[in-house]
Amino acid sequence: MNVQTLPDVNDRDKFTGKKKGEIRLFRNGTSPEVHVWNMEEQKWEKMGDVMGPAPQQKDFYEGDEFFPAGDYDYIFNIDIKSKGEKKLPFNKGSIPLEEAEKFVEREQIHKVFVEEISGFIRNELDKVNTYGHQQVPEPIQMQAAPSIPVEEKHIEKSISTGKASKVFPMVCLLV
């Protein structure tokens, strides 16, 4: 939505609603506002502000022979008991199974962990892509990526979750 194309909130008296409860967007500076038509008083009343997704912020990964240096949508921390915490960079549109295979090869751990790690990636993506029953257009930016402990003999099921910023979906209203 281009906020600049919305009518200014100070000009709302120039627009007459057609029915009680009609909803219209107005611009207040650079922010869109939702207004509802009050038929009895013949005026627009502010309902609230339109909230949208936070701008996508990517995290930089220094690169290695399996994952090139650059900005990634996510960098997951995977705790390998015998090696400590290792980074798994991931971009939207990548295939979790392929990225897990590269990670397992890079860290030289048994391939039995590929499915578990790819499941972890899918699970985390489901968490950050879902808000209630709606899909958020852009993933939530992860400030501290979750960790999954990995051990040579077994993978523990406990996952420690890091902080994530909250994003509310943009409301689209037709008037």
C-alpha atoms as a PDB file:
ATOM      1  CA  MET A   1       0.000   0.000   0.000  1.00  0.00           C
ATOM      2  CA  ASN A   2       1.339   3.427  -0.919  1.00  0.00           C
ATOM      3  CA  VAL A   3       0.483   5.569   2.124  1.00  0.00           C
ATOM      4  CA  GLN A   4       1.099   8.806   0.208  1.00  0.00           C
ATOM      5  CA  THR A   5      -1.891   8.091  -2.058  1.00  0.00           C
ATOM      6  CA  LEU A   6      -4.310   8.007   0.896  1.00  0.00           C
ATOM      7  CA  PRO A   7      -6.330  11.160   1.677  1.00  0.00           C
ATOM      8  CA  ASP A   8      -4.896  13.266   4.503  1.00  0.00           C
ATOM      9  CA  VAL A   9      -6.590  12.828   7.892  1.00  0.00           C
ATOM     10  CA  ASN A  10      -7.237  16.602   7.985  1.00  0.00           C
ATOM     11  CA  ASP A  11      -9.305  16.288   4.785  1.00  0.00           C
ATOM     12  CA  ARG A  12     -11.588  13.519   6.093  1.00  0.00           C
ATOM     13  CA  ASP A  13     -14.550  15.950   6.352  1.00  0.00           C
ATOM     14  CA  LYS A  14     -14.481  16.154   2.540  1.00  0.00           C
ATOM     15  CA  PHE A  15     -15.445  12.456   2.353  1.00  0.00           C
ATOM     16  CA  THR A  16     -18.952  11.411   3.334  1.00  0.00           C
ATOM     17  CA  GLY A  17     -19.625   7.842   4.324  1.00  0.00           C
ATOM     18  CA  LYS A  18     -22.500   5.961   2.696  1.00  0.00           C
ATOM     19  CA  LYS A  19     -23.492   3.720   5.614  1.00  0.00           C
ATOM     20  CA  LYS A  20     -22.961   3.254   9.361  1.00  0.00           C
ATOM     21  CA  GLY A  21     -19.744   1.400  10.113  1.00  0.00           C
ATOM     22  CA  GLU A  22     -18.128   2.052   6.720  1.00  0.00           C
ATOM     23  CA  ILE A  23     -14.348   1.827   7.030  1.00  0.00           C
ATOM     24  CA  ARG A  24     -11.827   4.072   5.276  1.00  0.00           C
ATOM     25  CA  LEU A  25      -8.073   4.636   5.462  1.00  0.00           C
ATOM     26  CA  PHE A  26      -6.556   8.097   5.924  1.00  0.00           C
ATOM     27  CA  ARG A  27      -2.941   9.243   6.065  1.00  0.00           C
ATOM     28  CA  ASN A  28      -1.619  10.932   9.190  1.00  0.00           C
ATOM     29  CA  GLY A  29       1.870  12.099   8.211  1.00  0.00           C
ATOM     30  CA  THR A  30       3.516   8.909   6.973  1.00  0.00           C
ATOM     31  CA  SER A  31       1.247   6.514   8.878  1.00  0.00           C
ATOM     32  CA  PRO A  32      -2.067   5.032   7.694  1.00  0.00           C
ATOM     33  CA  GLU A  33      -5.024   5.179  10.082  1.00  0.00           C
ATOM     34  CA  VAL A  34      -8.307   3.259  10.049  1.00  0.00           C
ATOM     35  CA  HIS A  35     -11.471   5.375  10.452  1.00  0.00           C
ATOM     36  CA  VAL A  36     -15.114   4.297  10.740  1.00  0.00           C
ATOM     37  CA  TRP A  37     -18.132   6.306   9.590  1.00  0.00           C
ATOM     38  CA  ASN A  38     -20.490   7.412  12.396  1.00  0.00           C
ATOM     39  CA  MET A  39     -23.833   7.876  10.605  1.00  0.00           C
ATOM     40  CA  GLU A  40     -25.551   9.600  13.562  1.00  0.00           C
ATOM     41  CA  GLU A  41     -22.871  12.283  13.948  1.00  0.00           C
ATOM     42  CA  GLN A  42     -22.027  12.334  10.210  1.00  0.00           C
ATOM     43  CA  LYS A  43     -18.265  12.127  10.810  1.00  0.00           C
ATOM     44  CA  TRP A  44     -15.287   9.803  10.599  1.00  0.00           C
ATOM     45  CA  GLU A  45     -13.933   8.444  13.896  1.00  0.00           C
ATOM     46  CA  LYS A  46     -10.479   6.953  14.291  1.00  0.00           C
ATOM     47  CA  MET A  47     -10.494   3.201  15.016  1.00  0.00           C
ATOM     48  CA  GLY A  48      -6.744   2.693  15.104  1.00  0.00           C
ATOM     49  CA  ASP A  49      -3.471   2.537  13.223  1.00  0.00           C
ATOM     50  CA  VAL A  50      -2.612   0.121  10.427  1.00  0.00           C
ATOM     51  CA  MET A  51       0.236  -2.157  11.475  1.00  0.00           C
ATOM     52  CA  GLY A  52       2.505  -3.879   8.974  1.00  0.00           C
ATOM     53  CA  PRO A  53       5.400  -6.310   9.037  1.00  0.00           C
ATOM     54  CA  ALA A  54       8.776  -5.118  10.254  1.00  0.00           C
ATOM     55  CA  PRO A  55      11.313  -4.647   7.468  1.00  0.00           C
ATOM     56  CA  GLN A  56      13.231  -7.845   6.780  1.00  0.00           C
ATOM     57  CA  GLN A  57      16.654  -7.714   8.395  1.00  0.00           C
ATOM     58  CA  LYS A  58      19.183 -10.296   7.318  1.00  0.00           C
ATOM     59  CA  ASP A  59      22.072 -11.677   9.315  1.00  0.00           C
ATOM     60  CA  PHE A  60      25.591 -11.898   7.918  1.00  0.00           C
ATOM     61  CA  TYR A  61      27.360 -15.251   7.808  1.00  0.00           C
ATOM     62  CA  GLU A  62      31.143 -15.243   7.331  1.00  0.00           C
ATOM     63  CA  GLY A  63      31.042 -18.219   4.966  1.00  0.00           C
ATOM     64  CA  ASP A  64      32.811 -21.552   4.601  1.00  0.00           C
ATOM     65  CA  GLU A  65      33.229 -24.175   1.874  1.00  0.00           C
ATOM     66  CA  PHE A  66      29.558 -25.295   2.204  1.00  0.00           C
ATOM     67  CA  PHE A  67      27.741 -21.997   2.812  1.00  0.00           C
ATOM     68  CA  PRO A  68      28.973 -18.867   0.989  1.00  0.00           C
ATOM     69  CA  ALA A  69      29.587 -15.643   2.892  1.00  0.00           C
ATOM     70  CA  GLY A  70      26.693 -13.210   2.795  1.00  0.00           C
ATOM     71  CA  ASP A  71      23.380 -12.154   4.259  1.00  0.00           C
ATOM     72  CA  TYR A  72      20.926 -14.889   5.283  1.00  0.00           C
ATOM     73  CA  ASP A  73      17.291 -14.727   6.384  1.00  0.00           C
ATOM     74  CA  TYR A  74      18.070 -16.956   9.395  1.00  0.00           C
ATOM     75  CA  ILE A  75      21.132 -18.215  11.163  1.00  0.00           C
ATOM     76  CA  PHE A  76      20.238 -21.138  13.416  1.00  0.00           C
ATOM     77  CA  ASN A  77      22.523 -22.157  16.261  1.00  0.00           C
ATOM     78  CA  ILE A  78      22.906 -25.918  16.498  1.00  0.00           C
ATOM     79  CA  ASP A  79      24.607 -27.267  19.586  1.00  0.00           C
ATOM     80  CA  ILE A  80      26.757 -30.297  18.820  1.00  0.00           C
ATOM     81  CA  LYS A  81      27.746 -31.687  22.209  1.00  0.00           C
ATOM     82  CA  SER A  82      31.237 -32.745  21.111  1.00  0.00           C
ATOM     83  CA  LYS A  83      31.929 -29.570  19.066  1.00  0.00           C
ATOM     84  CA  GLY A  84      29.938 -26.790  20.692  1.00  0.00           C
ATOM     85  CA  GLU A  85      27.469 -24.440  19.043  1.00  0.00           C
ATOM     86  CA  LYS A  86      27.651 -24.251  15.245  1.00  0.00           C
ATOM     87  CA  LYS A  87      25.920 -21.857  12.825  1.00  0.00           C
ATOM     88  CA  LEU A  88      23.498 -23.047  10.141  1.00  0.00           C
ATOM     89  CA  PRO A  89      22.667 -20.214   7.719  1.00  0.00           C
ATOM     90  CA  PHE A  90      19.334 -20.489   5.894  1.00  0.00           C
ATOM     91  CA  ASN A  91      17.466 -18.395   3.311  1.00  0.00           C
ATOM     92  CA  LYS A  92      13.767 -18.320   2.505  1.00  0.00           C
ATOM     93  CA  GLY A  93      13.164 -20.577  -0.466  1.00  0.00           C
ATOM     94  CA  SER A  94      16.001 -22.957   0.449  1.00  0.00           C
ATOM     95  CA  ILE A  95      15.182 -26.617   0.943  1.00  0.00           C
ATOM     96  CA  PRO A  96      15.618 -27.636   4.612  1.00  0.00           C
ATOM     97  CA  LEU A  97      16.730 -31.194   3.740  1.00  0.00           C
ATOM     98  CA  GLU A  98      19.492 -29.952   1.398  1.00  0.00           C
ATOM     99  CA  GLU A  99      20.735 -27.386   3.921  1.00  0.00           C
ATOM    100  CA  ALA A 100      20.740 -30.019   6.695  1.00  0.00           C
ATOM    101  CA  GLU A 101      22.763 -32.368   4.445  1.00  0.00           C
ATOM    102  CA  LYS A 102      25.373 -29.651   3.833  1.00  0.00           C
ATOM    103  CA  PHE A 103      25.512 -28.881   7.574  1.00  0.00           C
ATOM    104  CA  VAL A 104      26.007 -32.548   8.524  1.00  0.00           C
ATOM    105  CA  GLU A 105      28.752 -32.902   5.917  1.00  0.00           C
ATOM    106  CA  ARG A 106      30.477 -29.695   7.040  1.00  0.00           C
ATOM    107  CA  GLU A 107      30.401 -30.709  10.708  1.00  0.00           C
ATOM    108  CA  GLN A 108      31.345 -34.323   9.906  1.00  0.00           C
ATOM    109  CA  ILE A 109      28.563 -35.827  11.975  1.00  0.00           C
ATOM    110  CA  HIS A 110      26.578 -38.945  11.061  1.00  0.00           C
ATOM    111  CA  LYS A 111      23.989 -38.615   8.262  1.00  0.00           C
ATOM    112  CA  VAL A 112      21.335 -40.044  10.556  1.00  0.00           C
ATOM    113  CA  PHE A 113      20.976 -36.479  11.890  1.00  0.00           C
ATOM    114  CA  VAL A 114      19.944 -34.983   8.523  1.00  0.00           C
ATOM    115  CA  GLU A 115      16.222 -35.667   8.943  1.00  0.00           C
ATOM    116  CA  GLU A 116      16.230 -34.445  12.554  1.00  0.00           C
ATOM    117  CA  ILE A 117      17.981 -31.191  11.637  1.00  0.00           C
ATOM    118  CA  SER A 118      15.790 -30.574   8.573  1.00  0.00           C
ATOM    119  CA  GLY A 119      12.735 -31.222  10.787  1.00  0.00           C
ATOM    120  CA  PHE A 120      14.069 -28.663  13.251  1.00  0.00           C
ATOM    121  CA  ILE A 121      14.436 -26.095  10.435  1.00  0.00           C
ATOM    122  CA  ARG A 122      10.890 -26.756   9.169  1.00  0.00           C
ATOM    123  CA  ASN A 123       9.519 -26.523  12.704  1.00  0.00           C
ATOM    124  CA  GLU A 124      11.245 -23.190  13.341  1.00  0.00           C
ATOM    125  CA  LEU A 125      10.057 -21.797   9.996  1.00  0.00           C
ATOM    126  CA  ASP A 126       6.490 -22.837  10.841  1.00  0.00           C
ATOM    127  CA  LYS A 127       6.798 -21.021  14.181  1.00  0.00           C
ATOM    128  CA  VAL A 128       8.018 -17.770  12.663  1.00  0.00           C
ATOM    129  CA  ASN A 129       5.706 -17.826   9.620  1.00  0.00           C
ATOM    130  CA  THR A 130       2.487 -18.350  11.547  1.00  0.00           C
ATOM    131  CA  TYR A 131       0.574 -15.723  13.524  1.00  0.00           C
ATOM    132  CA  GLY A 132      -2.683 -17.141  14.784  1.00  0.00           C
ATOM    133  CA  HIS A 133      -4.394 -18.635  11.750  1.00  0.00           C
ATOM    134  CA  GLN A 134      -2.878 -16.205   9.240  1.00  0.00           C
ATOM    135  CA  GLN A 135       0.408 -16.450   7.404  1.00  0.00           C
ATOM    136  CA  VAL A 136       2.643 -13.425   7.915  1.00  0.00           C
ATOM    137  CA  PRO A 137       3.963 -12.152   4.552  1.00  0.00           C
ATOM    138  CA  GLU A 138       7.549 -11.944   5.792  1.00  0.00           C
ATOM    139  CA  PRO A 139       9.181 -14.097   8.449  1.00  0.00           C
ATOM    140  CA  ILE A 140       9.722 -12.646  11.874  1.00  0.00           C
ATOM    141  CA  GLN A 141      13.289 -11.423  12.331  1.00  0.00           C
ATOM    142  CA  MET A 142      15.087 -13.680  14.781  1.00  0.00           C
ATOM    143  CA  GLN A 143      17.309 -11.735  17.145  1.00  0.00           C
ATOM    144  CA  ALA A 144      18.821 -14.866  18.690  1.00  0.00           C
ATOM    145  CA  ALA A 145      18.274 -18.044  16.733  1.00  0.00           C
ATOM    146  CA  PRO A 146      17.017 -21.172  18.521  1.00  0.00           C
ATOM    147  CA  SER A 147      19.401 -24.006  19.313  1.00  0.00           C
ATOM    148  CA  ILE A 148      19.016 -27.749  18.993  1.00  0.00           C
ATOM    149  CA  PRO A 149      21.434 -29.933  20.950  1.00  0.00           C
ATOM    150  CA  VAL A 150      23.104 -32.624  18.801  1.00  0.00           C
ATOM    151  CA  GLU A 151      25.191 -35.469  20.175  1.00  0.00           C
ATOM    152  CA  GLU A 152      27.081 -38.148  18.259  1.00  0.00           C
ATOM    153  CA  LYS A 153      24.828 -40.907  19.719  1.00  0.00           C
ATOM    154  CA  HIS A 154      21.460 -39.125  19.851  1.00  0.00           C
ATOM    155  CA  ILE A 155      19.739 -35.811  19.429  1.00  0.00           C
ATOM    156  CA  GLU A 156      17.995 -34.453  22.486  1.00  0.00           C
ATOM    157  CA  LYS A 157      14.496 -33.117  21.935  1.00  0.00           C
ATOM    158  CA  SER A 158      14.932 -29.974  24.047  1.00  0.00           C
ATOM    159  CA  ILE A 159      15.160 -26.777  22.061  1.00  0.00           C
ATOM    160  CA  SER A 160      16.057 -23.475  23.668  1.00  0.00           C
ATOM    161  CA  THR A 161      14.355 -20.599  21.897  1.00  0.00           C
ATOM    162  CA  GLY A 162      15.929 -17.176  21.505  1.00  0.00           C
ATOM    163  CA  LYS A 163      14.187 -13.821  21.407  1.00  0.00           C
ATOM    164  CA  ALA A 164      12.153 -12.933  18.345  1.00  0.00           C
ATOM    165  CA  SER A 165      10.574  -9.608  17.481  1.00  0.00           C
ATOM    166  CA  LYS A 166       6.811  -9.594  17.132  1.00  0.00           C
ATOM    167  CA  VAL A 167       5.179  -8.671  13.852  1.00  0.00           C
ATOM    168  CA  PHE A 168       1.512  -8.085  13.220  1.00  0.00           C
ATOM    169  CA  PRO A 169       0.041  -8.726   9.795  1.00  0.00           C
ATOM    170  CA  MET A 170      -0.924  -5.769   7.625  1.00  0.00           C
ATOM    171  CA  VAL A 171      -4.647  -5.223   7.523  1.00  0.00           C
ATOM    172  CA  CYS A 172      -6.061  -4.863   4.021  1.00  0.00           C
ATOM    173  CA  LEU A 173      -9.396  -3.086   3.886  1.00  0.00           C
ATOM    174  CA  LEU A 174     -11.519  -2.522   0.824  1.00  0.00           C
ATOM    175  CA  VAL A 175     -13.647   0.617   0.749  1.00  0.00           C
END
